[in-house]
Amino acid sequence: MRLYKTFAAMIALLAMLTTASSCDKIDNKSVPSFMVRIDLGNYALWGTYGVFGMGDYRIFNREKLLPSNFPYNVNTYTGYGGVLLMMGMEGPMAYDLACPVEASQNVVLSINPEYYEAVCSKCGSRFNPLMGAGGPISGVAITNKVGMRTYHVYPSNGGYIIAN
């Protein structure tokens, strides 16, 4: 029953986002552009640190050593506020975790696993990283027309590489 409610909520949300985005363009570049490169480009790394089922997610932040056992090296970069890797409807998707309204490295979004939303504890805005390309769902982000900064997820040797 919970899965049905979640699915129904996602469909309603998708319809709302489609309607809202048809009138105005959402700015997904309000967070400063910082280097991103996370190499999960082989079966072993993807099998350990990747995402598999819809809504499955993982957070990468080199400064905070998240995940704690990830083999960070000099060629690994995790953006401005860290990177959210989430399995979306069309495959793995990646976003910067800094709130696009606050645009500060110190104000990062948290994930509400029940609704697969990214939430800012400071401004209260909510975003849809699962199906809405990180677009705003509620809060100041809708008024300001800002969404989460997206990153590219490239297939590579049985895994993926996240980069900008």
N, C-alpha and C. Protein backbone atom coordinates (compact mmCIF):
# COMPACT_ATOMS: atom_id res chain seq x y z
N MET A 1 0.82 -1.19 0.00
CA MET A 1 0.00 0.00 0.00
C MET A 1 0.87 1.26 0.00
N ARG A 2 1.97 1.24 0.77
CA ARG A 2 2.86 2.40 0.84
C ARG A 2 3.47 2.69 -0.54
N LEU A 3 3.86 1.62 -1.24
CA LEU A 3 4.42 1.79 -2.57
C LEU A 3 3.40 2.42 -3.51
N TYR A 4 2.13 2.00 -3.42
CA TYR A 4 1.08 2.56 -4.26
C TYR A 4 0.91 4.04 -3.96
N LYS A 5 0.87 4.43 -2.68
CA LYS A 5 0.72 5.84 -2.31
C LYS A 5 1.91 6.66 -2.81
N THR A 6 3.10 6.11 -2.66
CA THR A 6 4.30 6.81 -3.13
C THR A 6 4.25 6.98 -4.64
N PHE A 7 3.85 5.93 -5.36
CA PHE A 7 3.77 6.00 -6.81
C PHE A 7 2.72 7.02 -7.23
N ALA A 8 1.55 7.03 -6.59
CA ALA A 8 0.50 8.00 -6.90
C ALA A 8 0.97 9.41 -6.63
N ALA A 9 1.69 9.61 -5.54
CA ALA A 9 2.21 10.94 -5.21
C ALA A 9 3.23 11.39 -6.26
N MET A 10 4.06 10.44 -6.74
CA MET A 10 5.06 10.80 -7.75
C MET A 10 4.39 11.17 -9.07
N ILE A 11 3.33 10.48 -9.45
CA ILE A 11 2.62 10.79 -10.69
C ILE A 11 1.99 12.18 -10.59
N ALA A 12 1.35 12.48 -9.45
CA ALA A 12 0.75 13.80 -9.26
C ALA A 12 1.83 14.88 -9.29
N LEU A 13 2.96 14.60 -8.69
CA LEU A 13 4.06 15.54 -8.66
C LEU A 13 4.61 15.77 -10.06
N LEU A 14 4.74 14.72 -10.83
CA LEU A 14 5.23 14.83 -12.20
C LEU A 14 4.30 15.70 -13.03
N ALA A 15 2.99 15.52 -12.86
CA ALA A 15 2.03 16.34 -13.59
C ALA A 15 2.16 17.81 -13.19
N MET A 16 2.35 18.06 -11.90
CA MET A 16 2.50 19.43 -11.42
C MET A 16 3.78 20.05 -11.98
N LEU A 17 4.88 19.29 -11.97
CA LEU A 17 6.14 19.80 -12.48
C LEU A 17 6.08 20.07 -13.97
N THR A 18 5.41 19.21 -14.71
CA THR A 18 5.27 19.41 -16.15
C THR A 18 4.50 20.68 -16.43
N THR A 19 3.43 20.90 -15.68
CA THR A 19 2.63 22.11 -15.85
C THR A 19 3.44 23.34 -15.48
N ALA A 20 4.13 23.29 -14.35
CA ALA A 20 4.91 24.44 -13.88
C ALA A 20 6.08 24.74 -14.81
N SER A 21 6.74 23.70 -15.31
CA SER A 21 7.91 23.93 -16.14
C SER A 21 7.56 24.36 -17.56
N SER A 22 6.32 24.16 -17.97
CA SER A 22 5.95 24.57 -19.32
C SER A 22 5.86 26.08 -19.44
N CYS A 23 5.65 26.79 -18.31
CA CYS A 23 5.52 28.24 -18.34
C CYS A 23 6.86 28.95 -18.16
N ASP A 24 7.69 28.45 -17.30
CA ASP A 24 8.93 29.12 -16.95
C ASP A 24 10.07 28.11 -16.90
N LYS A 25 11.25 28.59 -17.25
CA LYS A 25 12.43 27.74 -17.19
C LYS A 25 13.01 27.77 -15.78
N ILE A 26 13.41 26.60 -15.30
CA ILE A 26 14.02 26.48 -13.98
C ILE A 26 15.54 26.63 -14.13
N ASP A 27 16.13 27.47 -13.30
CA ASP A 27 17.58 27.69 -13.30
C ASP A 27 18.23 26.64 -12.41
N ASN A 28 19.01 25.74 -13.00
CA ASN A 28 19.70 24.73 -12.20
C ASN A 28 21.19 25.04 -12.07
N LYS A 29 21.53 26.31 -12.25
CA LYS A 29 22.93 26.72 -12.15
C LYS A 29 23.14 27.81 -11.09
N SER A 30 22.24 27.91 -10.11
CA SER A 30 22.41 28.92 -9.07
C SER A 30 23.50 28.53 -8.07
N VAL A 31 23.81 27.24 -7.97
CA VAL A 31 24.91 26.77 -7.13
C VAL A 31 26.19 26.93 -7.95
N PRO A 32 27.24 27.51 -7.35
CA PRO A 32 28.50 27.70 -8.10
C PRO A 32 29.03 26.38 -8.68
N SER A 33 29.66 26.50 -9.83
CA SER A 33 30.21 25.33 -10.52
C SER A 33 31.56 24.97 -9.92
N PHE A 34 31.63 23.80 -9.30
CA PHE A 34 32.87 23.27 -8.76
C PHE A 34 33.15 21.95 -9.47
N MET A 35 34.39 21.55 -9.51
CA MET A 35 34.79 20.32 -10.19
C MET A 35 34.09 19.10 -9.57
N VAL A 36 33.64 18.20 -10.45
CA VAL A 36 33.05 16.93 -10.03
C VAL A 36 33.66 15.81 -10.85
N ARG A 37 34.15 14.81 -10.16
CA ARG A 37 34.62 13.58 -10.80
C ARG A 37 34.65 12.48 -9.75
N ILE A 38 33.74 11.55 -9.91
CA ILE A 38 33.67 10.38 -9.03
C ILE A 38 33.71 9.17 -9.94
N ASP A 39 34.77 8.38 -9.81
CA ASP A 39 34.96 7.23 -10.69
C ASP A 39 34.42 5.96 -10.05
N LEU A 40 33.26 5.55 -10.54
CA LEU A 40 32.65 4.27 -10.16
C LEU A 40 32.60 3.41 -11.42
N GLY A 41 33.63 3.56 -12.26
CA GLY A 41 33.62 3.04 -13.62
C GLY A 41 33.99 1.59 -13.81
N ASN A 42 33.88 0.76 -12.79
CA ASN A 42 34.06 -0.67 -13.00
C ASN A 42 33.06 -1.43 -12.14
N TYR A 43 32.93 -2.72 -12.42
CA TYR A 43 31.93 -3.54 -11.71
C TYR A 43 32.12 -3.51 -10.19
N ALA A 44 33.36 -3.60 -9.74
CA ALA A 44 33.62 -3.67 -8.30
C ALA A 44 33.21 -2.38 -7.60
N LEU A 45 33.63 -1.24 -8.14
CA LEU A 45 33.28 0.04 -7.50
C LEU A 45 31.78 0.31 -7.58
N TRP A 46 31.20 0.05 -8.75
CA TRP A 46 29.76 0.27 -8.87
C TRP A 46 28.98 -0.69 -7.97
N GLY A 47 29.43 -1.93 -7.89
CA GLY A 47 28.77 -2.90 -7.03
C GLY A 47 28.80 -2.52 -5.56
N THR A 48 29.84 -1.81 -5.15
CA THR A 48 29.98 -1.40 -3.75
C THR A 48 29.34 -0.04 -3.48
N TYR A 49 29.51 0.93 -4.38
CA TYR A 49 29.09 2.32 -4.10
C TYR A 49 27.98 2.83 -5.02
N GLY A 50 27.52 2.00 -5.94
CA GLY A 50 26.50 2.42 -6.88
C GLY A 50 25.10 2.37 -6.30
N VAL A 51 24.13 2.70 -7.14
CA VAL A 51 22.71 2.65 -6.77
C VAL A 51 22.00 1.71 -7.74
N PHE A 52 20.98 0.99 -7.26
CA PHE A 52 20.43 -0.07 -8.08
C PHE A 52 18.92 0.02 -8.30
N GLY A 53 18.14 0.18 -7.27
CA GLY A 53 16.68 0.25 -7.41
C GLY A 53 16.21 1.69 -7.42
N MET A 54 15.08 1.93 -8.06
CA MET A 54 14.54 3.29 -8.13
C MET A 54 14.43 3.90 -6.73
N GLY A 55 15.00 5.08 -6.56
CA GLY A 55 14.98 5.77 -5.28
C GLY A 55 16.19 5.47 -4.41
N ASP A 56 16.95 4.45 -4.78
CA ASP A 56 18.17 4.14 -4.04
C ASP A 56 19.12 5.33 -4.22
N TYR A 57 19.80 5.76 -3.16
CA TYR A 57 20.69 6.91 -3.28
C TYR A 57 21.94 6.74 -2.43
N ARG A 58 22.94 7.53 -2.77
CA ARG A 58 24.19 7.57 -2.03
C ARG A 58 24.73 8.99 -2.09
N ILE A 59 25.35 9.42 -0.99
CA ILE A 59 25.92 10.77 -0.91
C ILE A 59 27.43 10.66 -0.90
N PHE A 60 28.08 11.49 -1.74
CA PHE A 60 29.53 11.56 -1.81
C PHE A 60 29.98 12.96 -1.40
N ASN A 61 30.86 13.02 -0.42
CA ASN A 61 31.41 14.30 0.01
C ASN A 61 32.83 14.04 0.48
N ARG A 62 33.78 14.51 -0.31
CA ARG A 62 35.20 14.24 -0.01
C ARG A 62 35.61 14.85 1.33
N GLU A 63 35.20 16.09 1.60
CA GLU A 63 35.58 16.77 2.85
C GLU A 63 35.06 16.03 4.08
N LYS A 64 33.85 15.48 3.98
CA LYS A 64 33.24 14.79 5.12
C LYS A 64 33.49 13.28 5.09
N LEU A 65 34.26 12.84 4.08
CA LEU A 65 34.59 11.41 3.89
C LEU A 65 33.34 10.54 3.86
N LEU A 66 32.39 10.95 3.02
CA LEU A 66 31.17 10.18 2.81
C LEU A 66 31.18 9.61 1.40
N PRO A 67 30.95 8.34 1.23
CA PRO A 67 30.88 7.31 2.25
C PRO A 67 32.23 7.12 2.93
N SER A 68 32.19 6.66 4.15
CA SER A 68 33.39 6.62 4.99
C SER A 68 34.50 5.72 4.44
N ASN A 69 34.15 4.70 3.70
CA ASN A 69 35.17 3.77 3.20
C ASN A 69 35.46 3.94 1.71
N PHE A 70 34.97 5.05 1.10
CA PHE A 70 35.20 5.25 -0.33
C PHE A 70 36.68 5.59 -0.57
N PRO A 71 37.29 5.00 -1.63
CA PRO A 71 38.71 5.24 -1.91
C PRO A 71 38.95 6.58 -2.62
N TYR A 72 38.79 7.68 -1.88
CA TYR A 72 39.05 9.01 -2.45
C TYR A 72 40.53 9.12 -2.83
N ASN A 73 40.79 9.82 -3.95
CA ASN A 73 42.16 10.07 -4.36
C ASN A 73 42.27 11.50 -4.90
N VAL A 74 43.44 11.87 -5.39
CA VAL A 74 43.66 13.25 -5.84
C VAL A 74 42.82 13.62 -7.05
N ASN A 75 42.27 12.64 -7.75
CA ASN A 75 41.44 12.90 -8.93
C ASN A 75 39.95 12.84 -8.63
N THR A 76 39.57 12.79 -7.36
CA THR A 76 38.17 12.73 -6.99
C THR A 76 37.71 14.10 -6.50
N TYR A 77 36.63 14.59 -7.09
CA TYR A 77 36.07 15.89 -6.72
C TYR A 77 34.57 15.72 -6.51
N THR A 78 34.05 16.35 -5.47
CA THR A 78 32.63 16.16 -5.14
C THR A 78 31.83 17.46 -5.12
N GLY A 79 32.13 18.36 -6.03
CA GLY A 79 31.30 19.53 -6.22
C GLY A 79 31.35 20.54 -5.10
N TYR A 80 30.30 21.33 -5.03
CA TYR A 80 30.22 22.45 -4.10
C TYR A 80 29.73 22.00 -2.72
N GLY A 81 28.64 21.26 -2.68
CA GLY A 81 28.06 20.83 -1.41
C GLY A 81 28.03 19.32 -1.24
N GLY A 82 28.75 18.61 -2.09
CA GLY A 82 28.69 17.15 -2.10
C GLY A 82 27.83 16.71 -3.27
N VAL A 83 27.83 15.43 -3.55
CA VAL A 83 27.09 14.89 -4.70
C VAL A 83 26.08 13.86 -4.23
N LEU A 84 24.86 14.01 -4.74
CA LEU A 84 23.81 13.02 -4.54
C LEU A 84 23.75 12.17 -5.80
N LEU A 85 23.93 10.87 -5.63
CA LEU A 85 23.74 9.91 -6.72
C LEU A 85 22.45 9.16 -6.41
N MET A 86 21.49 9.21 -7.33
CA MET A 86 20.20 8.56 -7.10
C MET A 86 19.78 7.79 -8.35
N MET A 87 19.20 6.62 -8.12
CA MET A 87 18.66 5.86 -9.25
C MET A 87 17.28 6.42 -9.57
N GLY A 88 17.18 7.04 -10.73
CA GLY A 88 15.92 7.64 -11.15
C GLY A 88 15.16 6.74 -12.10
N MET A 89 14.12 7.29 -12.68
CA MET A 89 13.28 6.54 -13.62
C MET A 89 14.05 6.10 -14.86
N GLU A 90 15.03 6.92 -15.28
CA GLU A 90 15.75 6.64 -16.51
C GLU A 90 17.19 6.20 -16.27
N GLY A 91 17.53 5.83 -15.04
CA GLY A 91 18.88 5.41 -14.73
C GLY A 91 19.48 6.28 -13.65
N PRO A 92 20.79 6.12 -13.40
CA PRO A 92 21.43 6.90 -12.34
C PRO A 92 21.50 8.38 -12.70
N MET A 93 21.24 9.22 -11.69
CA MET A 93 21.26 10.67 -11.86
C MET A 93 22.12 11.26 -10.74
N ALA A 94 22.77 12.40 -11.01
CA ALA A 94 23.63 13.01 -10.00
C ALA A 94 23.36 14.50 -9.90
N TYR A 95 23.42 15.00 -8.66
CA TYR A 95 23.12 16.40 -8.36
C TYR A 95 24.08 16.92 -7.31
N ASP A 96 24.26 18.25 -7.27
CA ASP A 96 24.98 18.87 -6.17
C ASP A 96 24.02 18.96 -5.00
N LEU A 97 24.52 18.72 -3.79
CA LEU A 97 23.69 18.73 -2.60
C LEU A 97 23.51 20.11 -1.97
N ALA A 98 24.23 21.12 -2.45
CA ALA A 98 24.03 22.47 -1.91
C ALA A 98 22.63 22.95 -2.29
N CYS A 99 21.94 23.58 -1.35
CA CYS A 99 20.60 24.11 -1.65
C CYS A 99 20.72 25.21 -2.69
N PRO A 100 19.99 25.12 -3.79
CA PRO A 100 20.10 26.14 -4.83
C PRO A 100 19.53 27.49 -4.42
N VAL A 101 18.69 27.54 -3.41
CA VAL A 101 18.17 28.82 -2.91
C VAL A 101 19.25 29.50 -2.08
N GLU A 102 19.86 28.77 -1.17
CA GLU A 102 20.87 29.33 -0.26
C GLU A 102 22.23 29.49 -0.95
N ALA A 103 22.53 28.61 -1.90
CA ALA A 103 23.80 28.63 -2.65
C ALA A 103 25.01 28.75 -1.73
N SER A 104 25.04 27.93 -0.69
CA SER A 104 26.13 27.92 0.28
C SER A 104 26.61 26.49 0.49
N GLN A 105 27.92 26.31 0.62
CA GLN A 105 28.46 24.98 0.88
C GLN A 105 28.01 24.44 2.23
N ASN A 106 27.62 25.33 3.12
CA ASN A 106 27.24 24.94 4.47
C ASN A 106 25.76 24.61 4.61
N VAL A 107 24.98 24.84 3.57
CA VAL A 107 23.54 24.54 3.61
C VAL A 107 23.27 23.48 2.55
N VAL A 108 23.26 22.23 2.99
CA VAL A 108 23.07 21.12 2.05
C VAL A 108 21.70 20.47 2.26
N LEU A 109 21.23 19.89 1.20
CA LEU A 109 19.93 19.21 1.21
C LEU A 109 20.06 17.84 1.87
N SER A 110 19.00 17.43 2.53
CA SER A 110 18.92 16.07 3.05
C SER A 110 17.86 15.34 2.24
N ILE A 111 17.89 14.03 2.28
CA ILE A 111 16.96 13.23 1.48
C ILE A 111 15.86 12.68 2.38
N ASN A 112 14.62 12.91 1.97
CA ASN A 112 13.47 12.31 2.64
C ASN A 112 13.22 10.99 1.91
N PRO A 113 13.60 9.85 2.52
CA PRO A 113 13.52 8.57 1.81
C PRO A 113 12.09 8.09 1.58
N GLU A 114 11.13 8.64 2.31
CA GLU A 114 9.74 8.22 2.12
C GLU A 114 9.18 8.75 0.80
N TYR A 115 9.54 9.99 0.45
CA TYR A 115 9.01 10.61 -0.78
C TYR A 115 10.08 10.84 -1.83
N TYR A 116 11.33 10.45 -1.55
CA TYR A 116 12.43 10.64 -2.48
C TYR A 116 12.60 12.11 -2.84
N GLU A 117 12.49 12.96 -1.86
CA GLU A 117 12.65 14.40 -2.07
C GLU A 117 13.95 14.86 -1.41
N ALA A 118 14.53 15.92 -1.98
CA ALA A 118 15.67 16.59 -1.36
C ALA A 118 15.09 17.82 -0.65
N VAL A 119 15.44 17.99 0.63
CA VAL A 119 14.82 19.01 1.47
C VAL A 119 15.88 19.92 2.09
N CYS A 120 15.63 21.23 2.08
CA CYS A 120 16.52 22.19 2.73
C CYS A 120 15.97 22.52 4.11
N SER A 121 16.77 22.31 5.13
CA SER A 121 16.32 22.59 6.50
C SER A 121 16.31 24.08 6.80
N LYS A 122 16.99 24.88 5.99
CA LYS A 122 17.05 26.33 6.25
C LYS A 122 15.89 27.08 5.60
N CYS A 123 15.70 26.91 4.29
CA CYS A 123 14.65 27.67 3.60
C CYS A 123 13.35 26.88 3.46
N GLY A 124 13.41 25.56 3.70
CA GLY A 124 12.22 24.72 3.63
C GLY A 124 11.85 24.25 2.23
N SER A 125 12.63 24.61 1.23
CA SER A 125 12.33 24.19 -0.14
C SER A 125 12.51 22.69 -0.29
N ARG A 126 11.72 22.12 -1.23
CA ARG A 126 11.79 20.69 -1.53
C ARG A 126 12.02 20.55 -3.04
N PHE A 127 12.80 19.51 -3.39
CA PHE A 127 13.17 19.28 -4.78
C PHE A 127 12.93 17.82 -5.14
N ASN A 128 12.78 17.55 -6.45
CA ASN A 128 12.51 16.20 -6.93
C ASN A 128 13.69 15.66 -7.72
N PRO A 129 14.61 14.94 -7.05
CA PRO A 129 15.74 14.36 -7.78
C PRO A 129 15.40 13.04 -8.47
N LEU A 130 14.27 12.44 -8.14
CA LEU A 130 13.93 11.12 -8.68
C LEU A 130 13.41 11.20 -10.11
N MET A 131 12.43 12.06 -10.35
CA MET A 131 11.82 12.14 -11.68
C MET A 131 11.85 13.56 -12.26
N GLY A 132 12.02 14.54 -11.42
CA GLY A 132 11.87 15.92 -11.88
C GLY A 132 13.16 16.64 -12.18
N ALA A 133 14.23 15.92 -12.45
CA ALA A 133 15.52 16.52 -12.79
C ALA A 133 15.99 17.52 -11.74
N GLY A 134 15.61 17.28 -10.48
CA GLY A 134 16.04 18.17 -9.40
C GLY A 134 15.26 19.46 -9.33
N GLY A 135 14.11 19.50 -10.00
CA GLY A 135 13.29 20.71 -10.01
C GLY A 135 12.60 20.95 -8.68
N PRO A 136 12.17 22.20 -8.44
CA PRO A 136 11.52 22.53 -7.18
C PRO A 136 10.12 21.95 -7.07
N ILE A 137 9.76 21.56 -5.86
CA ILE A 137 8.42 21.05 -5.57
C ILE A 137 7.65 22.06 -4.74
N SER A 138 8.35 22.67 -3.77
CA SER A 138 7.68 23.64 -2.90
C SER A 138 8.71 24.59 -2.29
N GLY A 139 8.20 25.66 -1.67
CA GLY A 139 9.06 26.60 -0.96
C GLY A 139 9.56 27.73 -1.84
N VAL A 140 10.54 28.43 -1.32
CA VAL A 140 11.13 29.60 -1.98
C VAL A 140 11.71 29.21 -3.34
N ALA A 141 12.14 27.98 -3.49
CA ALA A 141 12.72 27.53 -4.76
C ALA A 141 11.75 27.69 -5.92
N ILE A 142 10.46 27.51 -5.67
CA ILE A 142 9.48 27.70 -6.75
C ILE A 142 9.40 29.17 -7.13
N THR A 143 9.32 30.03 -6.13
CA THR A 143 9.26 31.48 -6.38
C THR A 143 10.50 31.94 -7.12
N ASN A 144 11.67 31.45 -6.68
CA ASN A 144 12.93 31.85 -7.30
C ASN A 144 13.24 31.09 -8.59
N LYS A 145 12.45 30.07 -8.89
CA LYS A 145 12.62 29.25 -10.10
C LYS A 145 14.01 28.64 -10.19
N VAL A 146 14.45 28.01 -9.08
CA VAL A 146 15.75 27.35 -9.06
C VAL A 146 15.60 25.87 -8.75
N GLY A 147 16.46 25.08 -9.37
CA GLY A 147 16.48 23.65 -9.13
C GLY A 147 17.89 23.19 -8.81
N MET A 148 18.03 21.93 -8.50
CA MET A 148 19.33 21.36 -8.14
C MET A 148 20.26 21.34 -9.36
N ARG A 149 21.54 21.63 -9.12
CA ARG A 149 22.55 21.55 -10.18
C ARG A 149 22.74 20.08 -10.54
N THR A 150 22.67 19.77 -11.83
CA THR A 150 22.80 18.40 -12.29
C THR A 150 24.23 18.12 -12.77
N TYR A 151 24.62 16.85 -12.68
CA TYR A 151 25.90 16.41 -13.19
C TYR A 151 25.67 15.25 -14.14
N HIS A 152 26.65 15.00 -15.00
CA HIS A 152 26.57 13.91 -15.96
C HIS A 152 26.96 12.59 -15.31
N VAL A 153 26.28 11.53 -15.72
CA VAL A 153 26.60 10.18 -15.27
C VAL A 153 26.86 9.35 -16.54
N TYR A 154 28.14 9.03 -16.77
CA TYR A 154 28.56 8.33 -17.98
C TYR A 154 28.81 6.85 -17.71
N PRO A 155 28.28 5.96 -18.58
CA PRO A 155 28.61 4.53 -18.42
C PRO A 155 30.08 4.28 -18.75
N SER A 156 30.69 3.34 -18.01
CA SER A 156 32.12 3.06 -18.22
C SER A 156 32.47 1.69 -17.65
N ASN A 157 32.83 0.74 -18.48
CA ASN A 157 33.37 -0.57 -18.06
C ASN A 157 32.60 -1.27 -16.96
N GLY A 158 31.29 -1.28 -17.05
CA GLY A 158 30.48 -1.98 -16.05
C GLY A 158 30.04 -1.12 -14.88
N GLY A 159 30.38 0.14 -14.92
CA GLY A 159 29.98 1.08 -13.86
C GLY A 159 29.68 2.43 -14.49
N TYR A 160 29.86 3.48 -13.70
CA TYR A 160 29.59 4.83 -14.18
C TYR A 160 30.61 5.80 -13.62
N ILE A 161 30.81 6.90 -14.34
CA ILE A 161 31.64 8.01 -13.87
C ILE A 161 30.73 9.24 -13.78
N ILE A 162 30.79 9.92 -12.65
CA ILE A 162 30.02 11.14 -12.44
C ILE A 162 30.97 12.31 -12.67
N ALA A 163 30.56 13.26 -13.51
CA ALA A 163 31.42 14.40 -13.83
C ALA A 163 30.58 15.59 -14.28
N ASN A 164 31.22 16.74 -14.33
CA ASN A 164 30.53 17.91 -14.89
C ASN A 164 31.17 18.32 -16.19
